[in-house]
Amino acid sequence: QVTETRTGPLGCSNYDNLDSVSSVLVQSPENKIQLQGLQVILPEYLQEHFVQAALSYIACNSEGEFICKDNDCWCQCGPRFPECNCPYMDIQAMEENLLRISETWNVYNSEFEESDEFKLFMKRLPMNYFLNTSTLMHLWTMDSNFQRRYEQLDNSMKQLFLKAQKTVHKLFGLSKRCHKQPLISMPRQRSSNYWLNRIQSFLYCNENGLLGSFSEETHTCTCPNDQVACHGFLPCTVGDGSACLSCAPDNRTRCGSCNAGYMLSQGLCKPEVAESTEHYIGFETDLQDLEMKYLLQKTDRRIEVHAIFISNDMRLNSWFDPSWRKRMLLTLKSNKYKSSLVHMILGLSLQICLTKNSTLEPVLAVYVNPFGGSHSESWFMPVNENSFPDWERTKLDLPLQCYNWTLTLGNKWKTFFETVHIYLRSRIKSNGPNGNESIYYEPLEFIDPSRNLGYMKINNIQVFGYSMHFDPEAIRDLILQLDYPYTQGSQDSALLQLLEIRDRVNKLSPPGQRRLDLFSCLLRHRLKLSTSEVVRIQSALQAFNAKLPNTVDYDTTKLCS
C-alpha cells in the first residue's frame, strides 16, 4: 500500500496513483506529533478540541487521553486499558533485535577463534615454560597478522555494540511507563585481557575434550560441571628472583635451574643461604658476655694473646725520660708463626710507673693493624669518643706511683688485630691560676728547670682477646672457582660464601660513618694476593650482590693499599 504523507492541507493534485493520502496527521519516529492542515480550516473554538481528540486517537489508540507536561508526553489510560502507554509489539520487536545482535556477537567471536591467524598464533606459543599474561601480550604484539585480525574483530564489535546501545535506548524510552520491564540482553564487551585469559585456558585447561577457565592468580582451572578432568600440566614459571631460570627437560612442571642467589630444591628455587664460615675463618669464642667481662676485669691470663713487644725508644721494666714521644708495638707475626689463625682484640692493659712526686701525666694513642702490613694500614682507636670506651686507671699498692691502664673493648667493640701500635707521650699537670683547675703543658713548653719531671717505666703490656681458625687455602679455593667452577652452580656458591665472609669481616670494623674495608686487608696480607686480584674479587662480589634479592650494598673506606 502506497501512502503519501504531507504536512499541508489537501491540494488539487492528482492522487490517482496513490492508495491513500494522509495530510492531517504526521507522526515522527520520536513519537512527537505535529498537526498541520485540517485544523487550520476549523473554527478557532474547535481547533484545540480537535487537536486533543486527534492526538488521543493517534498516539493513544483511543485507549486514553494524550497529555503533555514538562517536556514529556504520555497517555492517561482509561480504566479499560491500563497498559495503553506500553507498545508491546514495538517492545517485542526491539527485544528480538537485541537477541539477533547477541547472536551476531557470538558468531564474530567464534569466527575469530576459528581463524587461521588465531590457530597459527596458538601453534607458535612456547610450551616449555608458563606463559603469564604479560608474556602473552608481548608475543601478541610481535605477531602482526594476529594483531590485524584482532583489530578487525574489535572494529566489528564496536559497531555492533553501538547498534545495541541505540536499541536499548529506544527500548527504555518505549517501556518507561510499562508495568512490566522489557528483557534487555546486552552483549558483553571482550577486551584483550579476556582473550589473554582465553588463550591461557586453551593452553592449561583444555584436557579430555573439556575447556575450562584458567585463573592466573591461583594457577588453577575451573572446569565445566565442577569436574577436574580439564586440568592440564602447568609448566614452571620462568623469570627473575625466585622464579625458575629454566624448566626441567624431563618434567616441565619443575624448575631445572635457578637465578643468581637461589638454589634448586625439590623442583623449586629457594633463596641460597651461605654455609657456615667456620670452615674458612672463625669469628666467635665460646665465652659468654658475662664470663668475658669478668675475665677482662681480672686481666685473666687465659684470655691473653701472647704478642711480641718491639720498640726502638724504650725497654720494658726500664726507666726512661718521657719528655719525648715513645713508640712501641705488640705484633703477632701470624704469617710466620700462626698462619692458620686470625686474632680478635678484646682489651689492652699497661702497667705504668712514675718516680715519686713526678708531675707527668701519660697520654696514650693506639693504632690497630688488622691483618698485617705497614703502619699506614692501621686505624686510630677513638678512645672516649662517640661512646667508645675510655682508659680505666687503677692505682697499685706499690712504693712507686704505679697504675694499671686498662682499655676494655668487650664483645661490642672487638675487632681483628695483627699489630697494636702504641704511642706514649707525656704532659705536665699543674694547678691553674685559681688553684681549682688543672692545666696541662707539654714538657718542652715547661721551661722551669727546678721542677722535677721525673722518670717513667712500663712494667708490662698485655693484649686480651682470642685466636680463631683461619684456612687461607680454603679461601683461595673459593676464589679459584670464580674463574674455574667445579660444577654448574658452584661459582654462585663460591661467590655467596665469599660475600658472607666479606660482610662478617667488615662488620667488625671500628666505629665511624663508613665501615673500613677490612676484607681487602685480609686478602692482601693474609692471602698475599696482588692489588689487581683484590680489585677483581671485590668487583665480582659487588656485581653478584646486586643480583641477589633484598640486599643492600654498602660503601667502605679503603684501609690497605
Protein backbone atom coordinates (compact mmCIF):
# COMPACT_ATOMS: atom_id res chain seq x y z
CA GLN A 1 0.00 0.00 0.00
CA VAL A 2 1.40 3.40 -1.03
CA THR A 3 0.66 6.30 1.28
CA GLU A 4 1.77 9.89 0.84
CA THR A 5 2.39 11.84 3.96
CA ARG A 6 2.44 15.58 3.60
CA THR A 7 2.48 18.46 6.09
CA GLY A 8 0.00 20.83 4.44
CA PRO A 9 -3.74 20.81 3.73
CA LEU A 10 -5.22 18.81 0.85
CA GLY A 11 -4.43 20.37 -2.50
CA CYS A 12 -5.66 19.96 -6.05
CA SER A 13 -3.01 17.46 -7.16
CA ASN A 14 -3.87 14.22 -8.93
CA TYR A 15 -3.85 11.28 -6.47
CA ASP A 16 -4.82 8.54 -8.90
CA ASN A 17 -1.51 6.75 -8.37
CA LEU A 18 -1.87 6.63 -4.55
CA ASP A 19 -3.91 4.26 -2.44
CA SER A 20 -4.47 6.90 0.24
CA VAL A 21 -3.41 10.37 1.23
CA SER A 22 -2.66 11.34 4.84
CA SER A 23 -2.28 15.06 5.15
CA VAL A 24 -3.81 15.79 8.51
CA LEU A 25 -1.55 13.91 10.95
CA VAL A 26 2.19 13.50 10.79
CA GLN A 27 3.81 11.10 13.34
CA SER A 28 7.58 11.32 13.66
CA PRO A 29 9.81 8.37 14.79
CA GLU A 30 10.39 10.13 18.12
CA ASN A 31 6.63 9.95 18.86
CA LYS A 32 6.35 13.76 18.69
CA ILE A 33 3.18 14.56 16.75
CA GLN A 34 2.82 17.70 14.73
CA LEU A 35 -0.61 18.60 13.31
CA GLN A 36 -0.93 20.81 10.33
CA GLY A 37 -3.72 21.00 7.77
CA LEU A 38 -7.31 20.21 8.60
CA GLN A 39 -7.35 22.01 11.95
CA VAL A 40 -6.50 25.24 10.18
CA ILE A 41 -9.86 25.33 8.39
CA LEU A 42 -11.85 24.61 11.56
CA PRO A 43 -13.34 27.41 13.67
CA GLU A 44 -10.97 28.58 16.40
CA TYR A 45 -13.14 27.31 19.23
CA LEU A 46 -12.99 23.76 17.74
CA GLN A 47 -9.28 23.68 16.95
CA GLU A 48 -7.99 22.82 20.45
CA HIS A 49 -10.61 20.10 20.99
CA PHE A 50 -9.86 18.69 17.54
CA VAL A 51 -6.13 18.54 18.18
CA GLN A 52 -6.64 16.91 21.59
CA ALA A 53 -9.01 14.29 20.16
CA ALA A 54 -6.77 13.63 17.17
CA LEU A 55 -3.68 13.15 19.38
CA SER A 56 -5.52 10.81 21.70
CA TYR A 57 -6.77 8.85 18.72
CA ILE A 58 -3.41 8.54 17.02
CA ALA A 59 -0.98 8.37 19.97
CA CYS A 60 -3.16 6.52 22.46
CA ASN A 61 -5.27 4.49 20.01
CA SER A 62 -8.39 5.91 21.69
CA GLU A 63 -7.40 3.99 24.87
CA GLY A 64 -6.56 7.08 26.85
CA GLU A 65 -6.14 10.83 26.80
CA PHE A 66 -2.90 12.26 25.39
CA ILE A 67 -1.23 14.62 27.87
CA CYS A 68 1.95 16.71 27.58
CA LYS A 69 3.64 18.26 30.59
CA ASP A 70 7.20 19.38 31.44
CA ASN A 71 8.57 18.39 28.03
CA ASP A 72 7.15 14.90 28.37
CA CYS A 73 4.05 13.37 26.79
CA TRP A 74 2.10 10.25 27.71
CA CYS A 75 -1.34 8.68 27.64
CA GLN A 76 -3.58 8.89 30.66
CA CYS A 77 -5.08 5.44 30.27
CA GLY A 78 -8.75 4.73 30.63
CA PRO A 79 -9.93 2.17 33.17
CA ARG A 80 -10.48 -0.44 30.44
CA PHE A 81 -6.95 -0.05 29.07
CA PRO A 82 -4.43 0.18 31.96
CA GLU A 83 -1.47 -0.66 29.64
CA CYS A 84 -2.23 1.86 26.94
CA ASN A 85 1.20 3.50 27.44
CA CYS A 86 3.03 0.25 26.65
CA PRO A 87 3.51 -0.58 22.93
CA TYR A 88 4.07 -4.32 23.37
CA MET A 89 4.54 -5.06 19.68
CA ASP A 90 7.28 -2.47 19.27
CA ILE A 91 8.98 -3.58 22.50
CA GLN A 92 8.90 -7.23 21.43
CA ALA A 93 10.40 -6.31 18.05
CA MET A 94 13.29 -4.49 19.72
CA GLU A 95 13.88 -7.35 22.16
CA GLU A 96 14.15 -9.70 19.21
CA ASN A 97 16.54 -7.26 17.55
CA LEU A 98 18.76 -7.34 20.65
CA LEU A 99 18.80 -11.14 20.58
CA ARG A 100 19.88 -11.08 16.93
CA ILE A 101 22.69 -8.66 17.82
CA SER A 102 23.87 -11.03 20.60
CA GLU A 103 23.83 -13.95 18.18
CA THR A 104 25.88 -11.98 15.68
CA TRP A 105 28.25 -11.05 18.52
CA ASN A 106 28.81 -14.72 19.33
CA VAL A 107 29.34 -15.54 15.66
CA TYR A 108 32.05 -12.88 15.36
CA ASN A 109 33.87 -14.27 18.42
CA SER A 110 33.64 -17.84 17.16
CA GLU A 111 34.94 -16.80 13.75
CA PHE A 112 37.90 -15.12 15.47
CA GLU A 113 38.74 -18.29 17.42
CA GLU A 114 38.42 -20.39 14.25
CA SER A 115 40.51 -18.02 12.14
CA ASP A 116 43.85 -19.14 10.67
CA GLU A 117 45.58 -16.23 12.41
CA PHE A 118 44.36 -17.37 15.86
CA LYS A 119 45.30 -21.01 15.24
CA LEU A 120 48.75 -20.10 13.95
CA PHE A 121 49.38 -17.83 16.95
CA MET A 122 48.42 -20.67 19.34
CA LYS A 123 50.65 -23.09 17.44
CA ARG A 124 53.70 -20.82 17.76
CA LEU A 125 53.41 -20.33 21.55
CA PRO A 126 56.30 -21.87 23.57
CA MET A 127 55.19 -24.78 25.74
CA ASN A 128 58.38 -25.35 27.77
CA TYR A 129 57.53 -22.71 30.42
CA PHE A 130 54.45 -21.00 31.84
CA LEU A 131 53.11 -18.04 29.86
CA ASN A 132 51.65 -15.28 32.03
CA THR A 133 49.51 -12.51 30.53
CA SER A 134 52.48 -10.13 30.24
CA THR A 135 54.48 -12.65 28.21
CA LEU A 136 51.44 -13.48 26.06
CA MET A 137 50.84 -9.78 25.40
CA HIS A 138 54.46 -9.38 24.28
CA LEU A 139 54.14 -12.33 21.89
CA TRP A 140 50.80 -10.91 20.70
CA THR A 141 52.39 -7.57 19.74
CA MET A 142 55.15 -9.42 17.87
CA ASP A 143 52.62 -11.20 15.61
CA SER A 144 51.40 -8.61 13.10
CA ASN A 145 48.90 -10.93 11.32
CA PHE A 146 47.22 -11.91 14.58
CA GLN A 147 47.15 -8.27 15.65
CA ARG A 148 45.40 -7.18 12.43
CA ARG A 149 42.82 -9.98 12.79
CA TYR A 150 42.06 -8.86 16.35
CA GLU A 151 41.70 -5.23 15.23
CA GLN A 152 39.20 -6.39 12.61
CA LEU A 153 37.20 -8.19 15.30
CA ASP A 154 37.43 -5.17 17.60
CA ASN A 155 36.09 -2.77 14.93
CA SER A 156 33.16 -5.08 14.13
CA MET A 157 32.36 -5.42 17.81
CA LYS A 158 32.39 -1.66 18.35
CA GLN A 159 29.86 -1.10 15.53
CA LEU A 160 27.67 -3.89 16.85
CA PHE A 161 27.86 -2.52 20.37
CA LEU A 162 26.80 0.98 19.21
CA LYS A 163 23.82 -0.57 17.43
CA ALA A 164 22.88 -2.47 20.58
CA GLN A 165 23.15 0.72 22.66
CA LYS A 166 20.76 2.61 20.35
CA THR A 167 18.27 -0.25 20.50
CA VAL A 168 18.43 -0.35 24.28
CA HIS A 169 17.97 3.43 24.45
CA LYS A 170 14.76 3.19 22.35
CA LEU A 171 13.60 0.21 24.38
CA PHE A 172 13.92 2.16 27.61
CA GLY A 173 12.02 5.08 26.06
CA LEU A 174 9.11 2.88 24.98
CA SER A 175 8.88 0.91 28.20
CA LYS A 176 9.35 3.62 30.81
CA ARG A 177 5.60 3.66 31.65
CA CYS A 178 5.07 -0.09 31.35
CA HIS A 179 4.18 -2.08 34.45
CA LYS A 180 6.48 -4.88 33.26
CA GLN A 181 10.03 -4.08 32.28
CA PRO A 182 11.41 -5.46 28.99
CA LEU A 183 14.06 -8.20 28.70
CA ILE A 184 17.33 -6.46 27.89
CA SER A 185 20.37 -8.62 26.99
CA MET A 186 23.42 -6.57 26.09
CA PRO A 187 26.46 -8.38 24.65
CA ARG A 188 29.45 -8.21 26.99
CA GLN A 189 32.47 -6.40 25.60
CA ARG A 190 35.63 -8.54 25.42
CA SER A 191 38.93 -6.71 25.91
CA SER A 192 42.39 -8.01 25.08
CA ASN A 193 42.66 -9.22 28.71
CA TYR A 194 39.69 -11.53 28.11
CA TRP A 195 41.44 -13.06 25.11
CA LEU A 196 44.72 -13.41 27.00
CA ASN A 197 42.92 -15.39 29.69
CA ARG A 198 41.08 -17.33 26.99
CA ILE A 199 44.41 -18.31 25.43
CA GLN A 200 45.69 -19.44 28.85
CA SER A 201 42.56 -21.54 29.24
CA PHE A 202 43.22 -23.19 25.86
CA LEU A 203 46.81 -23.92 26.95
CA TYR A 204 46.31 -25.16 30.51
CA CYS A 205 42.62 -26.08 30.99
CA ASN A 206 41.82 -27.99 27.80
CA GLU A 207 42.13 -31.68 28.55
CA ASN A 208 39.81 -34.60 27.76
CA GLY A 209 37.72 -32.54 25.36
CA LEU A 210 36.70 -30.12 28.13
CA LEU A 211 37.59 -26.43 28.09
CA GLY A 212 37.73 -24.74 31.47
CA SER A 213 38.62 -21.27 32.70
CA PHE A 214 42.14 -20.54 33.94
CA SER A 215 42.93 -18.26 36.90
CA GLU A 216 46.44 -16.79 36.79
CA GLU A 217 46.13 -15.60 40.38
CA THR A 218 45.61 -19.09 41.80
CA HIS A 219 47.10 -21.10 38.89
CA THR A 220 44.02 -23.32 38.84
CA CYS A 221 41.31 -24.28 36.35
CA THR A 222 37.55 -24.06 36.77
CA CYS A 223 36.15 -26.92 34.71
CA PRO A 224 32.59 -27.35 33.32
CA ASN A 225 30.18 -29.00 35.74
CA ASP A 226 32.76 -28.70 38.55
CA GLN A 227 34.86 -31.52 37.13
CA VAL A 228 38.64 -31.72 37.35
CA ALA A 229 39.20 -33.51 34.07
CA CYS A 230 40.06 -30.31 32.13
CA HIS A 231 43.23 -29.65 34.17
CA GLY A 232 46.42 -29.85 32.12
CA PHE A 233 50.07 -29.78 33.24
CA LEU A 234 51.25 -26.31 34.27
CA PRO A 235 54.86 -25.62 33.23
CA CYS A 236 57.15 -23.90 35.70
CA THR A 237 57.30 -20.09 35.82
CA VAL A 238 60.44 -18.60 34.28
CA GLY A 239 61.52 -15.12 35.40
CA ASP A 240 63.62 -13.16 37.87
CA GLY A 241 64.09 -13.72 41.57
CA SER A 242 62.54 -16.91 42.95
CA ALA A 243 61.10 -17.89 39.56
CA CYS A 244 62.92 -20.58 37.57
CA LEU A 245 65.71 -19.74 35.18
CA SER A 246 64.52 -22.70 33.09
CA CYS A 247 62.19 -25.67 33.50
CA ALA A 248 63.44 -29.22 33.89
CA PRO A 249 63.60 -31.00 30.49
CA ASP A 250 62.17 -34.24 31.89
CA ASN A 251 59.39 -32.57 33.90
CA ARG A 252 58.23 -29.13 32.77
CA THR A 253 56.29 -28.56 35.99
CA ARG A 254 59.54 -28.30 38.00
CA CYS A 255 62.48 -25.90 37.85
CA GLY A 256 65.59 -27.07 36.04
CA SER A 257 67.86 -24.17 37.05
CA CYS A 258 67.63 -21.04 39.20
CA ASN A 259 68.66 -17.38 39.12
CA ALA A 260 71.66 -15.98 40.96
CA GLY A 261 71.15 -16.10 44.71
CA TYR A 262 68.74 -19.06 44.55
CA MET A 263 69.28 -22.79 44.80
CA LEU A 264 67.31 -25.70 43.33
CA SER A 265 65.49 -27.70 45.98
CA GLN A 266 62.91 -30.37 45.08
CA GLY A 267 62.00 -28.66 41.83
CA LEU A 268 61.68 -25.18 43.40
CA CYS A 269 64.06 -22.22 43.60
CA LYS A 270 64.73 -21.13 47.17
CA PRO A 271 66.96 -18.28 48.42
CA GLU A 272 70.50 -19.53 48.64
CA VAL A 273 72.00 -19.29 52.10
CA ALA A 274 75.74 -19.34 52.60
CA GLU A 275 77.13 -22.24 54.56
CA SER A 276 78.80 -21.60 57.88
CA THR A 277 82.03 -19.63 57.53
CA GLU A 278 83.69 -21.60 60.33
CA HIS A 279 85.40 -23.83 57.77
CA TYR A 280 87.18 -20.77 56.35
CA ILE A 281 87.50 -18.29 59.21
CA GLY A 282 86.25 -18.15 62.78
CA PHE A 283 84.56 -15.20 64.43
CA GLU A 284 83.18 -16.27 67.79
CA THR A 285 84.50 -17.57 71.08
CA ASP A 286 82.88 -19.98 73.49
CA LEU A 287 82.97 -17.37 76.24
CA GLN A 288 79.69 -15.75 77.22
CA ASP A 289 79.48 -11.97 77.68
CA LEU A 290 79.47 -12.13 81.49
CA GLU A 291 82.39 -14.58 81.54
CA MET A 292 84.38 -12.39 79.18
CA LYS A 293 83.63 -9.26 81.20
CA TYR A 294 84.77 -10.98 84.42
CA LEU A 295 88.00 -12.27 82.85
CA LEU A 296 88.78 -8.83 81.40
CA GLN A 297 88.22 -7.16 84.77
CA LYS A 298 90.61 -9.65 86.35
CA THR A 299 93.06 -9.32 83.42
CA ASP A 300 93.00 -13.10 83.41
CA ARG A 301 95.87 -14.69 81.50
CA ARG A 302 93.50 -17.27 79.99
CA ILE A 303 92.34 -14.60 77.53
CA GLU A 304 95.78 -13.08 76.95
CA VAL A 305 97.11 -13.20 73.39
CA HIS A 306 100.89 -13.55 73.58
CA ALA A 307 102.45 -10.96 71.30
CA ILE A 308 105.98 -9.82 70.57
CA PHE A 309 106.97 -6.45 72.07
CA ILE A 310 109.07 -4.23 69.79
CA SER A 311 110.38 -0.71 70.47
CA ASN A 312 113.48 1.27 69.49
CA ASP A 313 112.70 4.00 72.04
CA MET A 314 112.49 2.06 75.30
CA ARG A 315 112.62 -1.31 77.03
CA LEU A 316 110.16 -2.90 79.41
CA ASN A 317 110.95 -2.57 83.16
CA SER A 318 113.49 0.17 82.44
CA TRP A 319 113.24 3.80 83.45
CA PHE A 320 113.26 6.32 80.62
CA ASP A 321 112.96 10.04 80.11
CA PRO A 322 109.36 10.63 79.00
CA SER A 323 109.99 14.10 77.56
CA TRP A 324 109.82 12.79 74.03
CA ARG A 325 107.24 10.59 72.36
CA LYS A 326 107.89 6.88 72.67
CA ARG A 327 106.73 4.36 70.10
CA MET A 328 106.17 0.67 70.83
CA LEU A 329 104.16 -2.13 69.26
CA LEU A 330 102.85 -5.58 70.01
CA THR A 331 102.76 -7.86 67.00
CA LEU A 332 101.88 -11.50 66.40
CA LYS A 333 103.74 -12.21 63.12
CA SER A 334 100.94 -14.58 62.15
CA ASN A 335 102.13 -15.26 58.61
CA LYS A 336 105.42 -16.55 60.06
CA TYR A 337 104.27 -18.30 63.23
CA LYS A 338 100.47 -18.63 63.18
CA SER A 339 99.34 -18.81 59.55
CA SER A 340 96.24 -20.85 60.48
CA LEU A 341 94.92 -18.28 62.97
CA VAL A 342 93.41 -14.82 62.98
CA HIS A 343 93.07 -12.82 66.19
CA MET A 344 90.47 -10.72 67.93
CA ILE A 345 91.31 -7.98 70.41
CA LEU A 346 89.03 -7.55 73.45
CA GLY A 347 91.16 -5.26 75.59
CA LEU A 348 94.56 -3.77 76.33
CA SER A 349 96.39 -3.32 79.61
CA LEU A 350 99.58 -1.42 80.55
CA GLN A 351 101.31 -1.05 83.93
CA ILE A 352 102.92 2.40 84.04
CA CYS A 353 105.10 3.63 86.93
CA LEU A 354 106.36 7.15 87.69
CA THR A 355 109.06 8.31 90.05
CA LYS A 356 107.86 9.83 93.32
CA ASN A 357 106.42 13.36 93.15
CA SER A 358 106.52 13.31 89.36
CA THR A 359 104.13 15.79 87.72
CA LEU A 360 103.98 13.87 84.45
CA GLU A 361 100.70 12.61 83.00
CA PRO A 362 100.95 9.75 80.43
CA VAL A 363 98.95 10.20 77.19
CA LEU A 364 98.38 7.08 75.05
CA ALA A 365 97.43 6.86 71.39
CA VAL A 366 96.60 3.40 69.97
CA TYR A 367 96.52 2.24 66.35
CA VAL A 368 95.36 -1.20 65.25
CA ASN A 369 96.62 -3.07 62.21
CA PRO A 370 94.02 -5.79 61.47
CA PHE A 371 95.92 -8.32 59.33
CA GLY A 372 99.44 -7.03 58.86
CA GLY A 373 101.15 -4.61 56.52
CA SER A 374 102.65 -1.22 57.16
CA HIS A 375 101.77 1.23 59.91
CA SER A 376 99.85 3.36 57.38
CA GLU A 377 97.39 0.47 57.08
CA SER A 378 96.33 0.86 60.72
CA TRP A 379 93.30 2.65 62.09
CA PHE A 380 93.26 5.02 65.08
CA MET A 381 91.32 3.83 68.13
CA PRO A 382 88.87 6.66 69.06
CA VAL A 383 89.22 6.32 72.84
CA ASN A 384 86.44 8.12 74.77
CA GLU A 385 84.77 9.37 71.56
CA ASN A 386 81.19 8.65 70.45
CA SER A 387 80.51 6.14 73.25
CA PHE A 388 83.81 4.31 72.61
CA PRO A 389 85.41 3.05 75.89
CA ASP A 390 87.93 5.13 77.80
CA TRP A 391 91.05 4.10 79.70
CA GLU A 392 90.46 2.97 83.28
CA ARG A 393 93.28 3.72 85.74
CA THR A 394 93.76 1.68 88.90
CA LYS A 395 96.48 2.60 91.44
CA LEU A 396 98.63 -0.33 92.53
CA ASP A 397 99.80 -0.90 96.08
CA LEU A 398 103.48 -0.30 95.33
CA PRO A 399 106.04 2.19 96.73
CA LEU A 400 106.14 3.99 93.40
CA GLN A 401 103.34 5.77 91.60
CA CYS A 402 102.21 2.74 89.59
CA TYR A 403 98.90 2.44 87.78
CA ASN A 404 97.19 -0.20 85.69
CA TRP A 405 95.85 1.42 82.50
CA THR A 406 93.11 -0.82 81.08
CA LEU A 407 91.07 -0.34 77.89
CA THR A 408 88.15 -2.81 77.72
CA LEU A 409 86.52 -3.33 74.32
CA GLY A 410 84.47 -6.44 75.05
CA ASN A 411 82.15 -8.02 72.50
CA LYS A 412 80.66 -4.69 71.44
CA TRP A 413 83.90 -3.13 70.15
CA LYS A 414 86.03 -6.20 69.48
CA THR A 415 87.89 -6.27 66.17
CA PHE A 416 90.64 -8.09 64.27
CA PHE A 417 94.23 -7.28 65.10
CA GLU A 418 97.65 -8.36 63.97
CA THR A 419 99.69 -5.49 65.38
CA VAL A 420 98.87 -2.88 68.03
CA HIS A 421 100.87 0.35 67.77
CA ILE A 422 101.09 2.39 70.99
CA TYR A 423 102.40 5.96 71.11
CA LEU A 424 103.24 7.31 74.55
CA ARG A 425 103.77 10.97 75.16
CA SER A 426 103.66 12.87 78.44
CA ARG A 427 102.20 16.14 79.59
CA ILE A 428 102.81 18.08 82.79
CA LYS A 429 99.96 18.54 85.20
CA SER A 430 99.94 21.86 87.05
CA ASN A 431 97.48 23.93 89.06
CA GLY A 432 95.74 26.79 87.30
CA PRO A 433 95.77 30.44 88.37
CA ASN A 434 92.71 29.94 90.56
CA GLY A 435 94.04 26.80 92.15
CA ASN A 436 90.80 24.87 91.46
CA GLU A 437 91.64 23.64 87.93
CA SER A 438 94.40 21.68 86.29
CA ILE A 439 96.45 22.89 83.36
CA TYR A 440 98.50 20.57 81.17
CA TYR A 441 101.77 21.53 79.48
CA GLU A 442 103.94 19.76 77.00
CA PRO A 443 107.35 19.01 78.61
CA LEU A 444 109.21 21.25 76.17
CA GLU A 445 106.89 24.12 76.98
CA PHE A 446 107.69 23.84 80.69
CA ILE A 447 110.93 25.71 81.00
CA ASP A 448 111.33 25.87 84.80
CA PRO A 449 114.40 23.64 85.44
CA SER A 450 113.62 23.49 89.14
CA ARG A 451 110.54 21.39 88.52
CA ASN A 452 111.07 17.64 88.73
CA LEU A 453 109.70 16.00 85.58
CA GLY A 454 110.67 12.58 86.84
CA TYR A 455 111.09 9.32 85.01
CA MET A 456 108.73 6.66 83.79
CA LYS A 457 108.79 2.95 83.10
CA ILE A 458 106.35 0.39 81.71
CA ASN A 459 106.43 -2.90 83.55
CA ASN A 460 104.30 -4.90 81.14
CA ILE A 461 101.82 -4.64 78.27
CA GLN A 462 99.12 -7.22 77.67
CA VAL A 463 96.69 -7.75 74.80
CA PHE A 464 93.49 -9.62 75.68
CA GLY A 465 91.44 -11.45 73.13
CA TYR A 466 91.29 -14.81 71.43
CA SER A 467 92.57 -16.56 68.31
CA MET A 468 90.31 -18.17 65.71
CA HIS A 469 90.62 -20.79 62.99
CA PHE A 470 91.73 -19.49 59.60
CA ASP A 471 92.21 -21.58 56.45
CA PRO A 472 93.80 -19.46 53.70
CA GLU A 473 93.93 -22.40 51.28
CA ALA A 474 90.17 -22.99 51.57
CA ILE A 475 89.51 -19.31 50.80
CA ARG A 476 91.92 -19.47 47.84
CA ASP A 477 89.94 -22.45 46.60
CA LEU A 478 86.74 -20.36 46.72
CA ILE A 479 88.47 -17.59 44.75
CA LEU A 480 89.71 -20.11 42.17
CA GLN A 481 86.10 -21.19 41.50
CA LEU A 482 85.24 -17.67 40.32
CA ASP A 483 87.16 -18.46 37.12
CA TYR A 484 87.14 -22.26 37.11
CA PRO A 485 83.89 -23.55 38.71
CA TYR A 486 83.93 -27.24 39.59
CA THR A 487 80.27 -27.89 38.73
CA GLN A 488 77.25 -25.97 37.50
CA GLY A 489 76.25 -23.56 40.23
CA SER A 490 79.49 -23.88 42.21
CA GLN A 491 80.58 -20.41 41.05
CA ASP A 492 77.47 -18.86 42.62
CA SER A 493 78.04 -20.87 45.79
CA ALA A 494 81.62 -19.63 45.98
CA LEU A 495 80.53 -16.02 45.43
CA LEU A 496 77.86 -16.35 48.11
CA GLN A 497 80.38 -17.81 50.56
CA LEU A 498 82.93 -15.06 49.86
CA LEU A 499 80.18 -12.46 50.21
CA GLU A 500 79.28 -13.85 53.63
CA ILE A 501 82.94 -13.78 54.72
CA ARG A 502 83.36 -10.22 53.39
CA ASP A 503 80.31 -8.91 55.25
CA ARG A 504 81.19 -10.63 58.51
CA VAL A 505 84.77 -9.37 58.40
CA ASN A 506 83.77 -5.79 57.55
CA LYS A 507 81.09 -5.86 60.25
CA LEU A 508 83.91 -5.89 62.82
CA SER A 509 85.13 -2.55 61.51
CA PRO A 510 85.71 0.16 64.14
CA PRO A 511 83.03 2.82 64.72
CA GLY A 512 82.70 5.52 62.09
CA GLN A 513 80.42 6.95 59.43
CA ARG A 514 81.59 4.28 56.98
CA ARG A 515 82.98 0.83 57.55
CA LEU A 516 86.61 0.12 56.83
CA ASP A 517 87.36 -2.36 54.06
CA LEU A 518 88.94 -4.97 56.34
CA PHE A 519 88.19 -7.76 53.85
CA SER A 520 90.63 -6.30 51.31
CA CYS A 521 93.28 -6.21 54.05
CA LEU A 522 92.64 -9.91 54.74
CA LEU A 523 93.06 -10.78 51.04
CA ARG A 524 96.08 -8.55 50.65
CA HIS A 525 98.13 -9.55 53.71
CA ARG A 526 96.92 -12.97 54.87
CA LEU A 527 96.31 -14.48 51.41
CA LYS A 528 99.15 -12.49 49.78
CA LEU A 529 97.02 -11.51 46.77
CA SER A 530 98.06 -8.70 44.44
CA THR A 531 96.19 -5.39 44.36
CA SER A 532 94.70 -6.20 40.94
CA GLU A 533 93.42 -9.57 42.20
CA VAL A 534 91.80 -7.91 45.21
CA VAL A 535 90.08 -5.33 42.96
CA ARG A 536 88.82 -8.09 40.63
CA ILE A 537 87.39 -10.13 43.52
CA GLN A 538 85.67 -7.09 45.04
CA SER A 539 84.13 -6.17 41.66
CA ALA A 540 82.82 -9.73 41.19
CA LEU A 541 81.28 -9.72 44.68
CA GLN A 542 79.66 -6.33 44.12
CA ALA A 543 78.13 -7.44 40.79
CA PHE A 544 76.88 -10.69 42.31
CA ASN A 545 75.42 -8.91 45.34
CA ALA A 546 73.44 -6.58 43.05
CA LYS A 547 71.60 -9.60 41.60
CA LEU A 548 70.59 -11.01 44.98
CA PRO A 549 67.08 -10.38 46.34
CA ASN A 550 66.56 -7.87 49.17
CA THR A 551 70.23 -6.96 49.56
CA VAL A 552 71.70 -3.53 50.18
CA ASP A 553 75.36 -2.97 49.41
CA TYR A 554 77.39 -0.53 51.49
CA ASP A 555 80.33 1.77 50.85
CA THR A 556 83.60 1.17 52.64
CA THR A 557 86.69 3.24 53.30
CA LYS A 558 89.93 1.92 51.87
CA LEU A 559 92.48 0.98 54.52
CA CYS A 560 95.05 -1.30 52.89
CA SER A 561 96.92 -0.48 49.68
